[in-house]
Amino acid sequence: MSDYRRVAQIRTAEQLREHLAAIGVELPFDEEVESGPDSPLAQPRTVAGFTIGNRWCILPMEGWDGTFDGRPSDNTIRRWQRFGLSGAKLIWGGEAVAVRHEGRANPNQLIITPDTVGDLADLRETLIATHEEHFGTSDDLLIGLQLTHSGRFCRPDPDHQLKPRVAYRHPVLDPKFGVTDDAQVMTDDELDELVDTFIGAARLAYEAGFTFVDVKHCHGYLGHELLSAIDRPGKYGGSFENRTRFLRDIVAGIRASVPDMGIGVRLSAFDWIPFKPGEGHVGTRTE
């Protein structure tokens, strides 16, 4: 078995340079981390026509401190105040927000619906007000909201039990997540409806003042899982065109419904089942 160096064990710039040379990778980097207004990370950057004030970004995480009905709690509000206080000029989602109750990864995750959109608008305003209080302006502050359905990771209710909805039966992951019945596989009609739900959620995010939405397609959540639905029948599985249909239809729907809304996608670009050597050292799928 190959001996792979653990990146976490690399402590110095010299160790990193030696490791890169050993594996034949050219990756220039600065040995000294600069700070202050002239440092690289303090410089503005223009993305999709908008100039962001610096290179610092708040990435979206799943909140564990909202209310059971999907609204921000005092702890959520405090966290968003700290986003504003941080000085980061790109808030990429800030929070992973479920587009419907069943798609929550935990029972305290925020939900975006007509009933909660006002709370999310207030959350955004809290971030902006805090940022302006400490940094003077928010003209170079870009704020988006991540939209998600958690798929096999769904745990939406106060009982904290897994209630997965999946794109296809998976020989490795089904036992881990308690998928035992084809009824847990979302039908084409259900996915059609979910596409419309994502589009409606993006429209609500626009009404709440967010500049863009992130349509989550990473880390094994439903959108990401659909990209590898090679064995799924119907219009959402099999060919590359079908496996990308969910994302493409959501993006097209947002463009048509709210053309001024920016769209981002956090994408995990690979997803496979473990393989083992077969006859002639050709890989065969591990069952």
C-alpha atoms as a PDB file:
ATOM      1  CA  MET A   1       0.000   0.000   0.000  1.00  0.00           C
ATOM      2  CA  SER A   2       1.279   3.487  -0.819  1.00  0.00           C
ATOM      3  CA  ASP A   3       2.398   5.693   2.061  1.00  0.00           C
ATOM      4  CA  TYR A   4       0.428   8.940   1.839  1.00  0.00           C
ATOM      5  CA  ARG A   5       1.687  11.964   3.747  1.00  0.00           C
ATOM      6  CA  ARG A   6      -0.943  13.480   5.993  1.00  0.00           C
ATOM      7  CA  VAL A   7      -1.212  17.159   5.122  1.00  0.00           C
ATOM      8  CA  ALA A   8      -2.066  17.974   8.744  1.00  0.00           C
ATOM      9  CA  GLN A   9       1.439  16.795   9.717  1.00  0.00           C
ATOM     10  CA  ILE A  10       3.107  19.416   7.516  1.00  0.00           C
ATOM     11  CA  ARG A  11       4.105  22.210   9.897  1.00  0.00           C
ATOM     12  CA  THR A  12       6.460  24.497   7.989  1.00  0.00           C
ATOM     13  CA  ALA A  13       6.817  26.061   4.570  1.00  0.00           C
ATOM     14  CA  GLU A  14       9.966  24.010   3.965  1.00  0.00           C
ATOM     15  CA  GLN A  15       8.136  20.751   4.756  1.00  0.00           C
ATOM     16  CA  LEU A  16       5.375  21.720   2.338  1.00  0.00           C
ATOM     17  CA  ARG A  17       7.888  22.532  -0.390  1.00  0.00           C
ATOM     18  CA  GLU A  18       9.619  19.169   0.114  1.00  0.00           C
ATOM     19  CA  HIS A  19       6.292  17.326  -0.007  1.00  0.00           C
ATOM     20  CA  LEU A  20       5.221  19.063  -3.217  1.00  0.00           C
ATOM     21  CA  ALA A  21       8.547  18.235  -4.830  1.00  0.00           C
ATOM     22  CA  ALA A  22       8.234  14.587  -3.770  1.00  0.00           C
ATOM     23  CA  ILE A  23       4.837  14.181  -5.427  1.00  0.00           C
ATOM     24  CA  GLY A  24       5.737  16.274  -8.479  1.00  0.00           C
ATOM     25  CA  VAL A  25       3.283  19.115  -7.887  1.00  0.00           C
ATOM     26  CA  GLU A  26       4.033  22.738  -8.723  1.00  0.00           C
ATOM     27  CA  LEU A  27       2.106  24.931  -6.272  1.00  0.00           C
ATOM     28  CA  PRO A  28       3.611  28.373  -5.618  1.00  0.00           C
ATOM     29  CA  PHE A  29       2.836  29.884  -2.224  1.00  0.00           C
ATOM     30  CA  ASP A  30       3.943  32.725   0.024  1.00  0.00           C
ATOM     31  CA  GLU A  31       6.080  31.635   2.946  1.00  0.00           C
ATOM     32  CA  GLU A  32       5.104  34.600   5.098  1.00  0.00           C
ATOM     33  CA  VAL A  33       1.483  35.463   5.880  1.00  0.00           C
ATOM     34  CA  GLU A  34       1.113  39.206   5.464  1.00  0.00           C
ATOM     35  CA  SER A  35      -1.386  41.340   7.350  1.00  0.00           C
ATOM     36  CA  GLY A  36      -2.633  44.898   7.088  1.00  0.00           C
ATOM     37  CA  PRO A  37      -4.244  46.932   4.307  1.00  0.00           C
ATOM     38  CA  ASP A  38      -1.529  46.085   1.748  1.00  0.00           C
ATOM     39  CA  SER A  39      -1.716  42.312   2.244  1.00  0.00           C
ATOM     40  CA  PRO A  40      -3.018  40.123  -0.604  1.00  0.00           C
ATOM     41  CA  LEU A  41      -6.144  39.043   1.289  1.00  0.00           C
ATOM     42  CA  ALA A  42      -7.087  42.661   1.953  1.00  0.00           C
ATOM     43  CA  GLN A  43      -7.294  43.494  -1.753  1.00  0.00           C
ATOM     44  CA  PRO A  44     -10.640  43.849  -3.564  1.00  0.00           C
ATOM     45  CA  ARG A  45     -11.786  41.375  -6.197  1.00  0.00           C
ATOM     46  CA  THR A  46     -14.412  41.726  -8.898  1.00  0.00           C
ATOM     47  CA  VAL A  47     -16.729  38.737  -9.338  1.00  0.00           C
ATOM     48  CA  ALA A  48     -19.634  38.710 -11.822  1.00  0.00           C
ATOM     49  CA  GLY A  49     -19.463  42.481 -12.135  1.00  0.00           C
ATOM     50  CA  PHE A  50     -19.470  43.156  -8.376  1.00  0.00           C
ATOM     51  CA  THR A  51     -16.367  44.403  -6.577  1.00  0.00           C
ATOM     52  CA  ILE A  52     -15.944  42.652  -3.240  1.00  0.00           C
ATOM     53  CA  GLY A  53     -13.924  44.641  -0.697  1.00  0.00           C
ATOM     54  CA  ASN A  54     -11.450  41.905   0.258  1.00  0.00           C
ATOM     55  CA  ARG A  55     -10.651  38.206  -0.210  1.00  0.00           C
ATOM     56  CA  TRP A  56     -12.214  36.955   3.059  1.00  0.00           C
ATOM     57  CA  CYS A  57     -15.319  34.784   2.829  1.00  0.00           C
ATOM     58  CA  ILE A  58     -17.846  33.302   5.271  1.00  0.00           C
ATOM     59  CA  LEU A  59     -18.793  29.860   3.945  1.00  0.00           C
ATOM     60  CA  PRO A  60     -22.242  28.331   4.513  1.00  0.00           C
ATOM     61  CA  MET A  61     -22.705  25.924   7.390  1.00  0.00           C
ATOM     62  CA  GLU A  62     -25.780  24.116   8.659  1.00  0.00           C
ATOM     63  CA  GLY A  63     -27.102  26.079  11.618  1.00  0.00           C
ATOM     64  CA  TRP A  64     -27.896  24.065  14.726  1.00  0.00           C
ATOM     65  CA  ASP A  65     -29.496  26.865  16.692  1.00  0.00           C
ATOM     66  CA  GLY A  66     -32.678  27.951  14.902  1.00  0.00           C
ATOM     67  CA  THR A  67     -36.185  27.274  16.149  1.00  0.00           C
ATOM     68  CA  PHE A  68     -38.175  24.134  15.382  1.00  0.00           C
ATOM     69  CA  ASP A  69     -40.302  26.138  12.930  1.00  0.00           C
ATOM     70  CA  GLY A  70     -37.215  27.240  10.981  1.00  0.00           C
ATOM     71  CA  ARG A  71     -36.685  30.782  12.261  1.00  0.00           C
ATOM     72  CA  PRO A  72     -33.510  32.389  13.651  1.00  0.00           C
ATOM     73  CA  SER A  73     -33.009  32.233  17.409  1.00  0.00           C
ATOM     74  CA  ASP A  74     -31.063  34.740  19.482  1.00  0.00           C
ATOM     75  CA  ASN A  75     -27.964  32.582  18.945  1.00  0.00           C
ATOM     76  CA  THR A  76     -28.486  32.651  15.172  1.00  0.00           C
ATOM     77  CA  ILE A  77     -28.812  36.431  15.230  1.00  0.00           C
ATOM     78  CA  ARG A  78     -25.651  36.743  17.318  1.00  0.00           C
ATOM     79  CA  ARG A  79     -23.736  34.578  14.816  1.00  0.00           C
ATOM     80  CA  TRP A  80     -24.824  36.744  11.893  1.00  0.00           C
ATOM     81  CA  GLN A  81     -23.808  39.851  13.827  1.00  0.00           C
ATOM     82  CA  ARG A  82     -20.377  38.276  14.113  1.00  0.00           C
ATOM     83  CA  PHE A  83     -20.343  37.630  10.374  1.00  0.00           C
ATOM     84  CA  GLY A  84     -20.716  41.384   9.962  1.00  0.00           C
ATOM     85  CA  LEU A  85     -18.144  42.110  12.642  1.00  0.00           C
ATOM     86  CA  SER A  86     -15.593  39.778  11.032  1.00  0.00           C
ATOM     87  CA  GLY A  87     -14.827  42.189   8.199  1.00  0.00           C
ATOM     88  CA  ALA A  88     -15.277  39.481   5.555  1.00  0.00           C
ATOM     89  CA  LYS A  89     -16.744  41.014   2.418  1.00  0.00           C
ATOM     90  CA  LEU A  90     -18.200  37.853   0.847  1.00  0.00           C
ATOM     91  CA  ILE A  91     -20.901  36.045   2.785  1.00  0.00           C
ATOM     92  CA  TRP A  92     -21.281  32.871   0.709  1.00  0.00           C
ATOM     93  CA  GLY A  93     -24.562  31.657   2.081  1.00  0.00           C
ATOM     94  CA  GLY A  94     -23.662  32.258   5.699  1.00  0.00           C
ATOM     95  CA  GLU A  95     -26.136  29.529   6.527  1.00  0.00           C
ATOM     96  CA  ALA A  96     -27.404  26.417   4.746  1.00  0.00           C
ATOM     97  CA  VAL A  97     -31.152  27.073   4.578  1.00  0.00           C
ATOM     98  CA  ALA A  98     -33.580  24.270   3.768  1.00  0.00           C
ATOM     99  CA  VAL A  99     -36.171  24.907   1.066  1.00  0.00           C
ATOM    100  CA  ARG A 100     -38.737  22.718   2.853  1.00  0.00           C
ATOM    101  CA  HIS A 101     -39.205  21.056   6.224  1.00  0.00           C
ATOM    102  CA  GLU A 102     -38.440  17.476   5.129  1.00  0.00           C
ATOM    103  CA  GLY A 103     -35.093  18.592   3.699  1.00  0.00           C
ATOM    104  CA  ARG A 104     -33.612  19.839   6.974  1.00  0.00           C
ATOM    105  CA  ALA A 105     -30.378  18.215   8.142  1.00  0.00           C
ATOM    106  CA  ASN A 106     -31.320  18.879  11.751  1.00  0.00           C
ATOM    107  CA  PRO A 107     -34.460  20.110  13.547  1.00  0.00           C
ATOM    108  CA  ASN A 108     -32.891  23.517  14.260  1.00  0.00           C
ATOM    109  CA  GLN A 109     -31.957  24.345  10.671  1.00  0.00           C
ATOM    110  CA  LEU A 110     -33.424  27.481   9.116  1.00  0.00           C
ATOM    111  CA  ILE A 111     -36.140  27.139   6.459  1.00  0.00           C
ATOM    112  CA  ILE A 112     -37.038  29.677   3.788  1.00  0.00           C
ATOM    113  CA  THR A 113     -40.799  29.900   3.231  1.00  0.00           C
ATOM    114  CA  PRO A 114     -43.288  32.767   2.905  1.00  0.00           C
ATOM    115  CA  ASP A 115     -43.724  32.508   6.698  1.00  0.00           C
ATOM    116  CA  THR A 116     -40.013  32.811   7.524  1.00  0.00           C
ATOM    117  CA  VAL A 117     -38.688  35.089   4.774  1.00  0.00           C
ATOM    118  CA  GLY A 118     -39.191  38.208   6.898  1.00  0.00           C
ATOM    119  CA  ASP A 119     -37.016  36.714   9.630  1.00  0.00           C
ATOM    120  CA  LEU A 120     -34.273  35.991   7.094  1.00  0.00           C
ATOM    121  CA  ALA A 121     -34.510  39.536   5.745  1.00  0.00           C
ATOM    122  CA  ASP A 122     -34.054  40.833   9.313  1.00  0.00           C
ATOM    123  CA  LEU A 123     -31.069  38.511   9.751  1.00  0.00           C
ATOM    124  CA  ARG A 124     -29.420  39.988   6.671  1.00  0.00           C
ATOM    125  CA  GLU A 125     -30.109  43.533   7.868  1.00  0.00           C
ATOM    126  CA  THR A 126     -28.548  42.713  11.230  1.00  0.00           C
ATOM    127  CA  LEU A 127     -25.362  41.585   9.487  1.00  0.00           C
ATOM    128  CA  ILE A 128     -25.248  44.732   7.351  1.00  0.00           C
ATOM    129  CA  ALA A 129     -25.903  47.084  10.261  1.00  0.00           C
ATOM    130  CA  THR A 130     -23.121  45.484  12.311  1.00  0.00           C
ATOM    131  CA  HIS A 131     -20.723  45.645   9.372  1.00  0.00           C
ATOM    132  CA  GLU A 132     -21.469  49.306   8.674  1.00  0.00           C
ATOM    133  CA  GLU A 133     -21.091  50.187  12.351  1.00  0.00           C
ATOM    134  CA  HIS A 134     -17.543  48.819  12.432  1.00  0.00           C
ATOM    135  CA  PHE A 135     -16.324  49.314   8.843  1.00  0.00           C
ATOM    136  CA  GLY A 136     -18.253  52.358   7.647  1.00  0.00           C
ATOM    137  CA  THR A 137     -19.748  50.950   4.444  1.00  0.00           C
ATOM    138  CA  SER A 138     -21.438  47.871   3.037  1.00  0.00           C
ATOM    139  CA  ASP A 139     -21.203  48.932  -0.610  1.00  0.00           C
ATOM    140  CA  ASP A 140     -18.495  46.317  -1.178  1.00  0.00           C
ATOM    141  CA  LEU A 141     -20.240  43.596   0.861  1.00  0.00           C
ATOM    142  CA  LEU A 142     -21.767  40.690  -1.107  1.00  0.00           C
ATOM    143  CA  ILE A 143     -24.314  38.505   0.695  1.00  0.00           C
ATOM    144  CA  GLY A 144     -25.912  35.318  -0.606  1.00  0.00           C
ATOM    145  CA  LEU A 145     -27.966  32.485   0.847  1.00  0.00           C
ATOM    146  CA  GLN A 146     -27.376  28.765   0.383  1.00  0.00           C
ATOM    147  CA  LEU A 147     -30.463  26.725  -0.534  1.00  0.00           C
ATOM    148  CA  THR A 148     -30.441  23.032   0.298  1.00  0.00           C
ATOM    149  CA  HIS A 149     -32.289  19.754   0.557  1.00  0.00           C
ATOM    150  CA  SER A 150     -30.358  17.298   2.713  1.00  0.00           C
ATOM    151  CA  GLY A 151     -31.352  14.064   0.955  1.00  0.00           C
ATOM    152  CA  ARG A 152     -30.036  11.023   2.814  1.00  0.00           C
ATOM    153  CA  PHE A 153     -28.950  13.283   5.697  1.00  0.00           C
ATOM    154  CA  CYS A 154     -32.483  14.529   6.491  1.00  0.00           C
ATOM    155  CA  ARG A 155     -33.145  14.727  10.211  1.00  0.00           C
ATOM    156  CA  PRO A 156     -35.903  17.353  10.280  1.00  0.00           C
ATOM    157  CA  ASP A 157     -37.904  16.688  13.432  1.00  0.00           C
ATOM    158  CA  PRO A 158     -37.372  17.177  17.173  1.00  0.00           C
ATOM    159  CA  ASP A 159     -36.971  13.415  17.624  1.00  0.00           C
ATOM    160  CA  HIS A 160     -33.582  13.778  15.821  1.00  0.00           C
ATOM    161  CA  GLN A 161     -34.207  10.580  13.838  1.00  0.00           C
ATOM    162  CA  LEU A 162     -32.865  10.117  10.312  1.00  0.00           C
ATOM    163  CA  LYS A 163     -35.654  10.356   7.717  1.00  0.00           C
ATOM    164  CA  PRO A 164     -33.711  10.069   4.471  1.00  0.00           C
ATOM    165  CA  ARG A 165     -34.985  10.884   0.999  1.00  0.00           C
ATOM    166  CA  VAL A 166     -32.590   9.700  -1.678  1.00  0.00           C
ATOM    167  CA  ALA A 167     -31.997   9.795  -5.427  1.00  0.00           C
ATOM    168  CA  TYR A 168     -31.267   6.081  -5.773  1.00  0.00           C
ATOM    169  CA  ARG A 169     -30.523   2.963  -3.745  1.00  0.00           C
ATOM    170  CA  HIS A 170     -26.855   2.907  -2.785  1.00  0.00           C
ATOM    171  CA  PRO A 171     -25.153  -0.414  -1.948  1.00  0.00           C
ATOM    172  CA  VAL A 172     -22.710   1.154   0.509  1.00  0.00           C
ATOM    173  CA  LEU A 173     -24.564   4.089   2.045  1.00  0.00           C
ATOM    174  CA  ASP A 174     -28.095   2.667   2.397  1.00  0.00           C
ATOM    175  CA  PRO A 175     -27.274   0.567   5.493  1.00  0.00           C
ATOM    176  CA  LYS A 176     -25.485   3.490   7.138  1.00  0.00           C
ATOM    177  CA  PHE A 177     -28.423   5.865   6.687  1.00  0.00           C
ATOM    178  CA  GLY A 178     -31.271   3.445   7.236  1.00  0.00           C
ATOM    179  CA  VAL A 179     -32.543   3.351   3.650  1.00  0.00           C
ATOM    180  CA  THR A 180     -34.438   0.069   3.458  1.00  0.00           C
ATOM    181  CA  ASP A 181     -37.329   0.762   1.101  1.00  0.00           C
ATOM    182  CA  ASP A 182     -37.717   2.069  -2.440  1.00  0.00           C
ATOM    183  CA  ALA A 183     -40.375   4.406  -1.039  1.00  0.00           C
ATOM    184  CA  GLN A 184     -37.499   6.493   0.330  1.00  0.00           C
ATOM    185  CA  VAL A 185     -36.300   7.143  -3.225  1.00  0.00           C
ATOM    186  CA  MET A 186     -37.747  10.396  -4.547  1.00  0.00           C
ATOM    187  CA  THR A 187     -39.909   9.958  -7.647  1.00  0.00           C
ATOM    188  CA  ASP A 188     -39.595  12.058 -10.781  1.00  0.00           C
ATOM    189  CA  ASP A 189     -42.793  13.873  -9.841  1.00  0.00           C
ATOM    190  CA  GLU A 190     -41.408  14.666  -6.397  1.00  0.00           C
ATOM    191  CA  LEU A 191     -38.205  16.004  -7.941  1.00  0.00           C
ATOM    192  CA  ASP A 192     -40.231  18.112 -10.382  1.00  0.00           C
ATOM    193  CA  GLU A 193     -42.026  19.616  -7.402  1.00  0.00           C
ATOM    194  CA  LEU A 194     -38.750  20.168  -5.571  1.00  0.00           C
ATOM    195  CA  VAL A 195     -37.333  22.036  -8.566  1.00  0.00           C
ATOM    196  CA  ASP A 196     -40.262  24.446  -8.288  1.00  0.00           C
ATOM    197  CA  THR A 197     -39.657  24.728  -4.536  1.00  0.00           C
ATOM    198  CA  PHE A 198     -36.035  25.740  -5.104  1.00  0.00           C
ATOM    199  CA  ILE A 199     -37.106  28.340  -7.655  1.00  0.00           C
ATOM    200  CA  GLY A 200     -39.689  29.728  -5.237  1.00  0.00           C
ATOM    201  CA  ALA A 201     -37.084  29.811  -2.465  1.00  0.00           C
ATOM    202  CA  ALA A 202     -34.722  31.809  -4.681  1.00  0.00           C
ATOM    203  CA  ARG A 203     -37.518  34.283  -5.378  1.00  0.00           C
ATOM    204  CA  LEU A 204     -38.088  34.674  -1.631  1.00  0.00           C
ATOM    205  CA  ALA A 205     -34.355  35.161  -1.049  1.00  0.00           C
ATOM    206  CA  TYR A 206     -34.378  37.944  -3.626  1.00  0.00           C
ATOM    207  CA  GLU A 207     -37.323  39.580  -1.887  1.00  0.00           C
ATOM    208  CA  ALA A 208     -35.374  39.349   1.384  1.00  0.00           C
ATOM    209  CA  GLY A 209     -32.529  41.332  -0.181  1.00  0.00           C
ATOM    210  CA  PHE A 210     -29.953  38.628  -0.863  1.00  0.00           C
ATOM    211  CA  THR A 211     -27.828  39.260  -3.948  1.00  0.00           C
ATOM    212  CA  PHE A 212     -27.347  35.625  -4.910  1.00  0.00           C
ATOM    213  CA  VAL A 213     -28.317  32.100  -3.971  1.00  0.00           C
ATOM    214  CA  ASP A 214     -26.102  29.037  -3.808  1.00  0.00           C
ATOM    215  CA  VAL A 215     -27.845  25.926  -5.128  1.00  0.00           C
ATOM    216  CA  LYS A 216     -26.109  23.294  -2.995  1.00  0.00           C
ATOM    217  CA  HIS A 217     -24.606  20.386  -4.962  1.00  0.00           C
ATOM    218  CA  CYS A 218     -21.896  19.068  -2.657  1.00  0.00           C
ATOM    219  CA  HIS A 219     -20.977  16.736   0.229  1.00  0.00           C
ATOM    220  CA  GLY A 220     -23.463  13.988  -0.629  1.00  0.00           C
ATOM    221  CA  TYR A 221     -26.631  16.038  -0.187  1.00  0.00           C
ATOM    222  CA  LEU A 222     -29.510  15.495  -2.598  1.00  0.00           C
ATOM    223  CA  GLY A 223     -28.320  17.741  -5.422  1.00  0.00           C
ATOM    224  CA  HIS A 224     -24.868  16.196  -5.355  1.00  0.00           C
ATOM    225  CA  GLU A 225     -26.266  12.684  -5.152  1.00  0.00           C
ATOM    226  CA  LEU A 226     -28.356  13.191  -8.278  1.00  0.00           C
ATOM    227  CA  LEU A 227     -25.189  13.893 -10.276  1.00  0.00           C
ATOM    228  CA  SER A 228     -24.113  10.264  -9.744  1.00  0.00           C
ATOM    229  CA  ALA A 229     -27.551   8.669 -10.310  1.00  0.00           C
ATOM    230  CA  ILE A 230     -26.261   6.536 -13.177  1.00  0.00           C
ATOM    231  CA  ASP A 231     -28.476   3.550 -12.328  1.00  0.00           C
ATOM    232  CA  ARG A 232     -31.618   5.609 -11.725  1.00  0.00           C
ATOM    233  CA  PRO A 233     -34.348   5.186 -14.361  1.00  0.00           C
ATOM    234  CA  GLY A 234     -36.354   8.090 -15.738  1.00  0.00           C
ATOM    235  CA  LYS A 235     -35.496  11.650 -16.626  1.00  0.00           C
ATOM    236  CA  TYR A 236     -33.278  12.307 -13.580  1.00  0.00           C
ATOM    237  CA  GLY A 237     -30.922   9.358 -14.007  1.00  0.00           C
ATOM    238  CA  GLY A 238     -28.651   7.545 -16.400  1.00  0.00           C
ATOM    239  CA  SER A 239     -27.191   9.951 -18.947  1.00  0.00           C
ATOM    240  CA  PHE A 240     -25.190  13.051 -18.057  1.00  0.00           C
ATOM    241  CA  GLU A 241     -28.037  15.167 -19.430  1.00  0.00           C
ATOM    242  CA  ASN A 242     -30.534  13.504 -17.105  1.00  0.00           C
ATOM    243  CA  ARG A 243     -28.251  13.556 -14.052  1.00  0.00           C
ATOM    244  CA  THR A 244     -27.719  17.307 -14.430  1.00  0.00           C
ATOM    245  CA  ARG A 245     -31.390  18.033 -15.191  1.00  0.00           C
ATOM    246  CA  PHE A 246     -32.270  18.907 -11.571  1.00  0.00           C
ATOM    247  CA  LEU A 247     -29.580  21.600 -11.391  1.00  0.00           C
ATOM    248  CA  ARG A 248     -30.145  22.910 -14.910  1.00  0.00           C
ATOM    249  CA  ASP A 249     -33.901  23.205 -14.414  1.00  0.00           C
ATOM    250  CA  ILE A 250     -33.461  25.035 -11.116  1.00  0.00           C
ATOM    251  CA  VAL A 251     -30.980  27.479 -12.649  1.00  0.00           C
ATOM    252  CA  ALA A 252     -33.190  28.070 -15.708  1.00  0.00           C
ATOM    253  CA  GLY A 253     -36.219  28.592 -13.460  1.00  0.00           C
ATOM    254  CA  ILE A 254     -34.407  31.117 -11.273  1.00  0.00           C
ATOM    255  CA  ARG A 255     -33.170  32.974 -14.349  1.00  0.00           C
ATOM    256  CA  ALA A 256     -36.739  33.198 -15.659  1.00  0.00           C
ATOM    257  CA  SER A 257     -38.363  34.046 -12.322  1.00  0.00           C
ATOM    258  CA  VAL A 258     -35.804  36.461 -10.844  1.00  0.00           C
ATOM    259  CA  PRO A 259     -33.370  37.434 -13.613  1.00  0.00           C
ATOM    260  CA  ASP A 260     -31.485  39.868 -11.368  1.00  0.00           C
ATOM    261  CA  MET A 261     -30.651  37.167  -8.828  1.00  0.00           C
ATOM    262  CA  GLY A 262     -27.090  35.854  -8.931  1.00  0.00           C
ATOM    263  CA  ILE A 263     -26.579  32.084  -8.832  1.00  0.00           C
ATOM    264  CA  GLY A 264     -23.673  30.155  -7.376  1.00  0.00           C
ATOM    265  CA  VAL A 265     -23.154  26.411  -6.991  1.00  0.00           C
ATOM    266  CA  ARG A 266     -20.942  24.709  -4.431  1.00  0.00           C
ATOM    267  CA  LEU A 267     -20.077  21.540  -6.302  1.00  0.00           C
ATOM    268  CA  SER A 268     -18.373  18.333  -5.222  1.00  0.00           C
ATOM    269  CA  ALA A 269     -16.936  17.234  -8.541  1.00  0.00           C
ATOM    270  CA  PHE A 270     -16.453  13.540  -7.782  1.00  0.00           C
ATOM    271  CA  ASP A 271     -18.491  10.786  -6.130  1.00  0.00           C
ATOM    272  CA  TRP A 272     -17.871   7.062  -6.434  1.00  0.00           C
ATOM    273  CA  ILE A 273     -18.363   3.700  -4.797  1.00  0.00           C
ATOM    274  CA  PRO A 274     -15.149   2.047  -3.511  1.00  0.00           C
ATOM    275  CA  PHE A 275     -13.505  -0.348  -5.955  1.00  0.00           C
ATOM    276  CA  LYS A 276     -11.348  -3.431  -5.430  1.00  0.00           C
ATOM    277  CA  PRO A 277      -9.020  -5.238  -7.851  1.00  0.00           C
ATOM    278  CA  GLY A 278     -10.757  -7.714 -10.119  1.00  0.00           C
ATOM    279  CA  GLU A 279      -9.544 -10.178 -12.743  1.00  0.00           C
ATOM    280  CA  GLY A 280      -6.502  -8.766 -14.499  1.00  0.00           C
ATOM    281  CA  HIS A 281      -6.379  -5.990 -11.883  1.00  0.00           C
ATOM    282  CA  VAL A 282      -9.429  -4.331 -13.445  1.00  0.00           C
ATOM    283  CA  GLY A 283     -11.542  -2.667 -10.755  1.00  0.00           C
ATOM    284  CA  THR A 284     -14.896  -4.151  -9.819  1.00  0.00           C
ATOM    285  CA  ARG A 285     -17.502  -2.400  -7.722  1.00  0.00           C
ATOM    286  CA  THR A 286     -17.490  -3.286  -4.047  1.00  0.00           C
ATOM    287  CA  GLU A 287     -20.917  -4.604  -3.059  1.00  0.00           C
END
